[in-house]
Amino acid sequence: MLDFTVKENIQLNQTYFLIKLTPKNGEILTDMEPGQFVEVLVENSPRTFLRRPISVNFVEKDKNLLWLLVQAIGDGTRKMSQYVEGDVVNLLVPLGKGFTISGDAGKKSLLVGGGVGTAPLLYLGYLLKRQGQAPIFLLGARSKSDLTLLNEFEKYGEVFCTTEDGSFGEKGYVTNHSRLNRKDFSMIYTCGPKPMMQAVAKYAKQNKIACEVSLENMMGCGIGTCLCCVEKTSDGHICVCTEGPVFNIEKLTWAI
């Protein structure tokens, strides 16, 4: 548990906000894995009783900054969207288990994200590129205005997009993008709505490609006590917040 100071809150569109924070008392950010998350204590929000789980979007080690991509869709996240520079926010950080990154340079990985599920893929792509790999991003949204931080993703790999209304990239769902016709990936990572992840997992299994998914179950406490996030796996029922949120698809009953 640590207090952070808001350094910047950038409104990206009508509902998405990029919040950059640094430890209040100058502590150095601990090492974080892409796919891990934080639990945010939202104060002065009477209808927000539990902390809000937010994915680690990026870590700027040289500036000691943690990025959180927040979609303002409920009372808690709307309150977070109103943070201003200097506000103090309490976080449980870092939580959960992140994506697996092999040390093999030259590997080509596909990173598939939908909606706010694109958030953990930015830091993952950065770390993959730093290890000499070639990440390919496949990002989906309802419309062009919902695709955020594309300029950041482009720093680390090729970026392909879909929009449901056809306003940017290919029209349709991310799982129907023509880039999937070239089955030249050695690894697939994905995060987003469950139906999207199920379709990605099916594609991975059909083509015998290893795949990890980051589940978006409601994680009220982040430490395995509230049991809001229980998921059935091949090892039995587990808490996503402590055993995940990232899982190999071979462990998930809905992907077997």
Foldseek 3Di string as FASTA:
>chain_A
DFKWFWADWADLFDFKIKTKIATPVPDQDDDDAQLWWKFWDQPPQVVDDFTATFGFQAADRVVRITITIAGPDDSRSVSVNPDDGGDMIDMDPTFFDGDDDDLDAAAEEEEEEEQSFCRSVLHVLVVCVVSNYAYEYQYEYQAPSRDPPPVSSVVRHHYAYEHCVCRDGHHDGSLPHPVLVPVRHQEYEYEYDPVVVLSVLQSCVVSVHWYKYQDDFGDRHLPQDPPRQWAQWPVGIDHCSHHHSIDTLNTHPSSD
